[in-house]
Structure formats: C-alpha cells, structure tokens
Amino acid sequence: MSYIVNGGNAFADADALWYNFQDKLFEFVNEEQGSSAIIPATTDNRLDWDEVKEVLQGQKPISELGCN
C-alpha cells in the first residue's frame, strides 16, 4: 500500500512483463513456421490508482471507488 500511496503503479511492471511475453511468444511461434496473433484485450477493469491513493490518504470515502 505504501508504494501506491507514494505514487507508484503496482501493475506497471506486471503489464510490461505480460506484453513482452506476448511479443516474444508471437515471434517464436511465427519464426518456427507456426501462426500466431496477439489479440488486443477488449476490456480493462482497473481501478483509478489516483482515486485509490485519495481513499488511502483519507481524502475520499471508499464508496467512491465503485467497488462492490
């Protein structure tokens, strides 16, 4: 939580890893005479980390995050 409160994005490295994995797998399959494609995600269900930070700092109520 401290990382998020201080302005970090907890998922930035995970996203970079995921996209790099997809790229490398795509390249490998196609170089080995296979056929592959990277299909873009149709949804992205992520919280607004600026709003999470405001909630954690007591500036907004948690009800404003839109979570159930």
PDB file of N, CA and C in Angstrom:
ATOM      1  N   MET A   1       0.817  -1.196   0.000  1.00  0.00           N
ATOM      2  CA  MET A   1       0.000   0.000   0.000  1.00  0.00           C
ATOM      3  C   MET A   1       0.859   1.257   0.000  1.00  0.00           C
ATOM      4  N   SER A   2       1.976   1.197   0.690  1.00  0.00           N
ATOM      5  CA  SER A   2       2.852   2.357   0.742  1.00  0.00           C
ATOM      6  C   SER A   2       3.314   2.762  -0.655  1.00  0.00           C
ATOM      7  N   TYR A   3       3.583   1.780  -1.488  1.00  0.00           N
ATOM      8  CA  TYR A   3       4.018   2.038  -2.861  1.00  0.00           C
ATOM      9  C   TYR A   3       2.959   2.831  -3.621  1.00  0.00           C
ATOM     10  N   ILE A   4       1.702   2.435  -3.480  1.00  0.00           N
ATOM     11  CA  ILE A   4       0.588   3.106  -4.164  1.00  0.00           C
ATOM     12  C   ILE A   4       0.389   4.507  -3.595  1.00  0.00           C
ATOM     13  N   VAL A   5       0.401   4.616  -2.270  1.00  0.00           N
ATOM     14  CA  VAL A   5       0.189   5.916  -1.623  1.00  0.00           C
ATOM     15  C   VAL A   5       1.258   6.919  -2.052  1.00  0.00           C
ATOM     16  N   ASN A   6       2.460   6.430  -2.297  1.00  0.00           N
ATOM     17  CA  ASN A   6       3.556   7.324  -2.683  1.00  0.00           C
ATOM     18  C   ASN A   6       3.661   7.524  -4.188  1.00  0.00           C
ATOM     19  N   GLY A   7       2.619   7.126  -4.942  1.00  0.00           N
ATOM     20  CA  GLY A   7       2.557   7.454  -6.356  1.00  0.00           C
ATOM     21  C   GLY A   7       2.921   6.347  -7.311  1.00  0.00           C
ATOM     22  N   GLY A   8       3.225   5.158  -6.831  1.00  0.00           N
ATOM     23  CA  GLY A   8       3.606   4.066  -7.711  1.00  0.00           C
ATOM     24  C   GLY A   8       2.407   3.364  -8.319  1.00  0.00           C
ATOM     25  N   ASN A   9       2.625   2.701  -9.441  1.00  0.00           N
ATOM     26  CA  ASN A   9       1.589   1.884 -10.074  1.00  0.00           C
ATOM     27  C   ASN A   9       1.974   0.432  -9.853  1.00  0.00           C
ATOM     28  N   ALA A  10       1.201  -0.248  -9.032  1.00  0.00           N
ATOM     29  CA  ALA A  10       1.519  -1.617  -8.631  1.00  0.00           C
ATOM     30  C   ALA A  10       1.535  -2.588  -9.804  1.00  0.00           C
ATOM     31  N   PHE A  11       0.896  -2.257 -10.901  1.00  0.00           N
ATOM     32  CA  PHE A  11       0.784  -3.191 -12.013  1.00  0.00           C
ATOM     33  C   PHE A  11       1.649  -2.832 -13.215  1.00  0.00           C
ATOM     34  N   ALA A  12       2.398  -1.744 -13.155  1.00  0.00           N
ATOM     35  CA  ALA A  12       3.190  -1.314 -14.311  1.00  0.00           C
ATOM     36  C   ALA A  12       4.175  -2.391 -14.751  1.00  0.00           C
ATOM     37  N   ASP A  13       4.927  -2.961 -13.822  1.00  0.00           N
ATOM     38  CA  ASP A  13       5.898  -3.995 -14.186  1.00  0.00           C
ATOM     39  C   ASP A  13       5.202  -5.262 -14.652  1.00  0.00           C
ATOM     40  N   ALA A  14       4.086  -5.597 -14.036  1.00  0.00           N
ATOM     41  CA  ALA A  14       3.344  -6.791 -14.459  1.00  0.00           C
ATOM     42  C   ALA A  14       2.817  -6.619 -15.875  1.00  0.00           C
ATOM     43  N   ASP A  15       2.315  -5.444 -16.198  1.00  0.00           N
ATOM     44  CA  ASP A  15       1.838  -5.177 -17.564  1.00  0.00           C
ATOM     45  C   ASP A  15       2.977  -5.295 -18.560  1.00  0.00           C
ATOM     46  N   ALA A  16       4.116  -4.701 -18.236  1.00  0.00           N
ATOM     47  CA  ALA A  16       5.263  -4.762 -19.138  1.00  0.00           C
ATOM     48  C   ALA A  16       5.701  -6.209 -19.353  1.00  0.00           C
ATOM     49  N   LEU A  17       5.718  -7.006 -18.285  1.00  0.00           N
ATOM     50  CA  LEU A  17       6.074  -8.416 -18.392  1.00  0.00           C
ATOM     51  C   LEU A  17       5.087  -9.164 -19.286  1.00  0.00           C
ATOM     52  N   TRP A  18       3.799  -8.923 -19.090  1.00  0.00           N
ATOM     53  CA  TRP A  18       2.763  -9.606 -19.871  1.00  0.00           C
ATOM     54  C   TRP A  18       2.877  -9.268 -21.361  1.00  0.00           C
ATOM     55  N   TYR A  19       3.025  -7.989 -21.679  1.00  0.00           N
ATOM     56  CA  TYR A  19       3.120  -7.591 -23.083  1.00  0.00           C
ATOM     57  C   TYR A  19       4.406  -8.111 -23.725  1.00  0.00           C
ATOM     58  N   ASN A  20       5.500  -8.089 -22.986  1.00  0.00           N
ATOM     59  CA  ASN A  20       6.754  -8.615 -23.507  1.00  0.00           C
ATOM     60  C   ASN A  20       6.643 -10.124 -23.751  1.00  0.00           C
ATOM     61  N   PHE A  21       5.997 -10.843 -22.837  1.00  0.00           N
ATOM     62  CA  PHE A  21       5.785 -12.279 -23.005  1.00  0.00           C
ATOM     63  C   PHE A  21       4.984 -12.554 -24.276  1.00  0.00           C
ATOM     64  N   GLN A  22       3.919 -11.804 -24.488  1.00  0.00           N
ATOM     65  CA  GLN A  22       3.104 -11.984 -25.688  1.00  0.00           C
ATOM     66  C   GLN A  22       3.931 -11.732 -26.956  1.00  0.00           C
ATOM     67  N   ASP A  23       4.707 -10.665 -26.951  1.00  0.00           N
ATOM     68  CA  ASP A  23       5.534 -10.337 -28.124  1.00  0.00           C
ATOM     69  C   ASP A  23       6.530 -11.449 -28.426  1.00  0.00           C
ATOM     70  N   LYS A  24       7.222 -11.919 -27.393  1.00  0.00           N
ATOM     71  CA  LYS A  24       8.248 -12.953 -27.591  1.00  0.00           C
ATOM     72  C   LYS A  24       7.623 -14.271 -28.040  1.00  0.00           C
ATOM     73  N   LEU A  25       6.483 -14.637 -27.469  1.00  0.00           N
ATOM     74  CA  LEU A  25       5.808 -15.866 -27.873  1.00  0.00           C
ATOM     75  C   LEU A  25       5.325 -15.763 -29.318  1.00  0.00           C
ATOM     76  N   PHE A  26       4.788 -14.618 -29.683  1.00  0.00           N
ATOM     77  CA  PHE A  26       4.356 -14.352 -31.057  1.00  0.00           C
ATOM     78  C   PHE A  26       5.532 -14.534 -32.026  1.00  0.00           C
ATOM     79  N   GLU A  27       6.653 -13.905 -31.705  1.00  0.00           N
ATOM     80  CA  GLU A  27       7.841 -14.009 -32.553  1.00  0.00           C
ATOM     81  C   GLU A  27       8.321 -15.456 -32.668  1.00  0.00           C
ATOM     82  N   PHE A  28       8.387 -16.166 -31.539  1.00  0.00           N
ATOM     83  CA  PHE A  28       8.863 -17.543 -31.538  1.00  0.00           C
ATOM     84  C   PHE A  28       7.991 -18.443 -32.404  1.00  0.00           C
ATOM     85  N   VAL A  29       6.687 -18.378 -32.194  1.00  0.00           N
ATOM     86  CA  VAL A  29       5.769 -19.238 -32.947  1.00  0.00           C
ATOM     87  C   VAL A  29       5.876 -18.961 -34.437  1.00  0.00           C
ATOM     88  N   ASN A  30       5.891 -17.700 -34.820  1.00  0.00           N
ATOM     89  CA  ASN A  30       5.968 -17.354 -36.235  1.00  0.00           C
ATOM     90  C   ASN A  30       7.322 -17.699 -36.859  1.00  0.00           C
ATOM     91  N   GLU A  31       8.400 -17.564 -36.104  1.00  0.00           N
ATOM     92  CA  GLU A  31       9.718 -17.939 -36.617  1.00  0.00           C
ATOM     93  C   GLU A  31       9.850 -19.455 -36.817  1.00  0.00           C
ATOM     94  N   GLU A  32       9.079 -20.222 -36.062  1.00  0.00           N
ATOM     95  CA  GLU A  32       9.123 -21.689 -36.164  1.00  0.00           C
ATOM     96  C   GLU A  32       8.058 -22.215 -37.134  1.00  0.00           C
ATOM     97  N   GLN A  33       7.639 -21.367 -38.062  1.00  0.00           N
ATOM     98  CA  GLN A  33       6.680 -21.715 -39.120  1.00  0.00           C
ATOM     99  C   GLN A  33       5.262 -21.932 -38.595  1.00  0.00           C
ATOM    100  N   GLY A  34       4.998 -21.468 -37.400  1.00  0.00           N
ATOM    101  CA  GLY A  34       3.639 -21.526 -36.865  1.00  0.00           C
ATOM    102  C   GLY A  34       2.880 -20.268 -37.240  1.00  0.00           C
ATOM    103  N   SER A  35       1.710 -20.147 -36.708  1.00  0.00           N
ATOM    104  CA  SER A  35       0.894 -18.974 -36.978  1.00  0.00           C
ATOM    105  C   SER A  35       0.301 -18.485 -35.660  1.00  0.00           C
ATOM    106  N   SER A  36       0.547 -17.247 -35.349  1.00  0.00           N
ATOM    107  CA  SER A  36       0.006 -16.695 -34.115  1.00  0.00           C
ATOM    108  C   SER A  36      -0.382 -15.241 -34.330  1.00  0.00           C
ATOM    109  N   ALA A  37      -1.175 -14.749 -33.413  1.00  0.00           N
ATOM    110  CA  ALA A  37      -1.597 -13.354 -33.435  1.00  0.00           C
ATOM    111  C   ALA A  37      -1.781 -12.882 -32.003  1.00  0.00           C
ATOM    112  N   ILE A  38      -1.513 -11.626 -31.791  1.00  0.00           N
ATOM    113  CA  ILE A  38      -1.775 -11.016 -30.488  1.00  0.00           C
ATOM    114  C   ILE A  38      -3.119 -10.309 -30.601  1.00  0.00           C
ATOM    115  N   ILE A  39      -4.062 -10.765 -29.818  1.00  0.00           N
ATOM    116  CA  ILE A  39      -5.413 -10.206 -29.856  1.00  0.00           C
ATOM    117  C   ILE A  39      -5.537  -9.166 -28.746  1.00  0.00           C
ATOM    118  N   PRO A  40      -5.816  -7.927 -29.092  1.00  0.00           N
ATOM    119  CA  PRO A  40      -5.941  -6.888 -28.063  1.00  0.00           C
ATOM    120  C   PRO A  40      -7.073  -7.197 -27.081  1.00  0.00           C
ATOM    121  N   ALA A  41      -6.848  -6.829 -25.846  1.00  0.00           N
ATOM    122  CA  ALA A  41      -7.874  -7.014 -24.819  1.00  0.00           C
ATOM    123  C   ALA A  41      -9.094  -6.153 -25.148  1.00  0.00           C
ATOM    124  N   THR A  42     -10.263  -6.686 -24.884  1.00  0.00           N
ATOM    125  CA  THR A  42     -11.487  -5.922 -25.143  1.00  0.00           C
ATOM    126  C   THR A  42     -11.963  -5.186 -23.901  1.00  0.00           C
ATOM    127  N   THR A  43     -11.449  -5.573 -22.747  1.00  0.00           N
ATOM    128  CA  THR A  43     -11.820  -4.880 -21.516  1.00  0.00           C
ATOM    129  C   THR A  43     -10.579  -4.633 -20.683  1.00  0.00           C
ATOM    130  N   ASP A  44     -10.647  -3.633 -19.867  1.00  0.00           N
ATOM    131  CA  ASP A  44      -9.582  -3.314 -18.936  1.00  0.00           C
ATOM    132  C   ASP A  44     -10.255  -2.838 -17.659  1.00  0.00           C
ATOM    133  N   ASN A  45     -10.396  -3.736 -16.725  1.00  0.00           N
ATOM    134  CA  ASN A  45     -11.101  -3.423 -15.485  1.00  0.00           C
ATOM    135  C   ASN A  45     -10.094  -3.127 -14.384  1.00  0.00           C
ATOM    136  N   ARG A  46      -9.652  -1.904 -14.353  1.00  0.00           N
ATOM    137  CA  ARG A  46      -8.668  -1.493 -13.360  1.00  0.00           C
ATOM    138  C   ARG A  46      -9.190  -0.286 -12.595  1.00  0.00           C
ATOM    139  N   LEU A  47      -8.789  -0.218 -11.352  1.00  0.00           N
ATOM    140  CA  LEU A  47      -9.120   0.944 -10.545  1.00  0.00           C
ATOM    141  C   LEU A  47      -8.290   2.138 -10.994  1.00  0.00           C
ATOM    142  N   ASP A  48      -8.795   3.306 -10.755  1.00  0.00           N
ATOM    143  CA  ASP A  48      -8.047   4.535 -10.970  1.00  0.00           C
ATOM    144  C   ASP A  48      -7.149   4.700  -9.738  1.00  0.00           C
ATOM    145  N   TRP A  49      -5.826   4.511  -9.923  1.00  0.00           N
ATOM    146  CA  TRP A  49      -4.916   4.493  -8.780  1.00  0.00           C
ATOM    147  C   TRP A  49      -4.805   5.848  -8.099  1.00  0.00           C
ATOM    148  N   ASP A  50      -5.100   6.921  -8.799  1.00  0.00           N
ATOM    149  CA  ASP A  50      -5.124   8.225  -8.136  1.00  0.00           C
ATOM    150  C   ASP A  50      -6.270   8.273  -7.129  1.00  0.00           C
ATOM    151  N   GLU A  51      -7.415   7.672  -7.496  1.00  0.00           N
ATOM    152  CA  GLU A  51      -8.547   7.625  -6.565  1.00  0.00           C
ATOM    153  C   GLU A  51      -8.245   6.712  -5.384  1.00  0.00           C
ATOM    154  N   VAL A  52      -7.585   5.581  -5.636  1.00  0.00           N
ATOM    155  CA  VAL A  52      -7.204   4.675  -4.539  1.00  0.00           C
ATOM    156  C   VAL A  52      -6.295   5.412  -3.565  1.00  0.00           C
ATOM    157  N   LYS A  53      -5.348   6.159  -4.105  1.00  0.00           N
ATOM    158  CA  LYS A  53      -4.440   6.929  -3.260  1.00  0.00           C
ATOM    159  C   LYS A  53      -5.212   7.910  -2.382  1.00  0.00           C
ATOM    160  N   GLU A  54      -6.197   8.597  -2.976  1.00  0.00           N
ATOM    161  CA  GLU A  54      -7.003   9.552  -2.208  1.00  0.00           C
ATOM    162  C   GLU A  54      -7.792   8.856  -1.105  1.00  0.00           C
ATOM    163  N   VAL A  55      -8.295   7.658  -1.381  1.00  0.00           N
ATOM    164  CA  VAL A  55      -9.021   6.891  -0.353  1.00  0.00           C
ATOM    165  C   VAL A  55      -8.063   6.498   0.768  1.00  0.00           C
ATOM    166  N   LEU A  56      -6.880   5.984   0.398  1.00  0.00           N
ATOM    167  CA  LEU A  56      -5.913   5.557   1.409  1.00  0.00           C
ATOM    168  C   LEU A  56      -5.399   6.715   2.246  1.00  0.00           C
ATOM    169  N   GLN A  57      -5.395   7.903   1.681  1.00  0.00           N
ATOM    170  CA  GLN A  57      -4.954   9.086   2.418  1.00  0.00           C
ATOM    171  C   GLN A  57      -6.107   9.749   3.177  1.00  0.00           C
ATOM    172  N   GLY A  58      -7.299   9.170   3.091  1.00  0.00           N
ATOM    173  CA  GLY A  58      -8.447   9.700   3.820  1.00  0.00           C
ATOM    174  C   GLY A  58      -9.098  10.903   3.169  1.00  0.00           C
ATOM    175  N   GLN A  59      -8.806  11.164   1.896  1.00  0.00           N
ATOM    176  CA  GLN A  59      -9.366  12.321   1.207  1.00  0.00           C
ATOM    177  C   GLN A  59     -10.711  12.024   0.557  1.00  0.00           C
ATOM    178  N   LYS A  60     -11.016  10.739   0.354  1.00  0.00           N
ATOM    179  CA  LYS A  60     -12.277  10.318  -0.265  1.00  0.00           C
ATOM    180  C   LYS A  60     -12.788   9.084   0.456  1.00  0.00           C
ATOM    181  N   PRO A  61     -14.104   8.903   0.487  1.00  0.00           N
ATOM    182  CA  PRO A  61     -14.637   7.665   1.074  1.00  0.00           C
ATOM    183  C   PRO A  61     -14.449   6.499   0.092  1.00  0.00           C
ATOM    184  N   ILE A  62     -14.293   5.305   0.615  1.00  0.00           N
ATOM    185  CA  ILE A  62     -14.079   4.132  -0.218  1.00  0.00           C
ATOM    186  C   ILE A  62     -15.250   3.878  -1.151  1.00  0.00           C
ATOM    187  N   SER A  63     -16.427   4.351  -0.810  1.00  0.00           N
ATOM    188  CA  SER A  63     -17.607   4.149  -1.641  1.00  0.00           C
ATOM    189  C   SER A  63     -17.471   4.808  -3.012  1.00  0.00           C
ATOM    190  N   GLU A  64     -16.569   5.761  -3.169  1.00  0.00           N
ATOM    191  CA  GLU A  64     -16.383   6.440  -4.448  1.00  0.00           C
ATOM    192  C   GLU A  64     -15.536   5.641  -5.443  1.00  0.00           C
ATOM    193  N   LEU A  65     -14.984   4.509  -4.999  1.00  0.00           N
ATOM    194  CA  LEU A  65     -14.178   3.694  -5.912  1.00  0.00           C
ATOM    195  C   LEU A  65     -15.034   2.872  -6.875  1.00  0.00           C
ATOM    196  N   GLY A  66     -16.292   2.715  -6.572  1.00  0.00           N
ATOM    197  CA  GLY A  66     -17.163   1.955  -7.462  1.00  0.00           C
ATOM    198  C   GLY A  66     -17.052   0.447  -7.284  1.00  0.00           C
ATOM    199  N   CYS A  67     -16.444   0.007  -6.209  1.00  0.00           N
ATOM    200  CA  CYS A  67     -16.319  -1.425  -5.938  1.00  0.00           C
ATOM    201  C   CYS A  67     -17.562  -1.923  -5.212  1.00  0.00           C
ATOM    202  N   ASN A  68     -17.862  -3.182  -5.437  1.00  0.00           N
ATOM    203  CA  ASN A  68     -18.995  -3.786  -4.721  1.00  0.00           C
ATOM    204  C   ASN A  68     -18.498  -4.613  -3.571  1.00  0.00           C
TER     205      ASN A  68
END
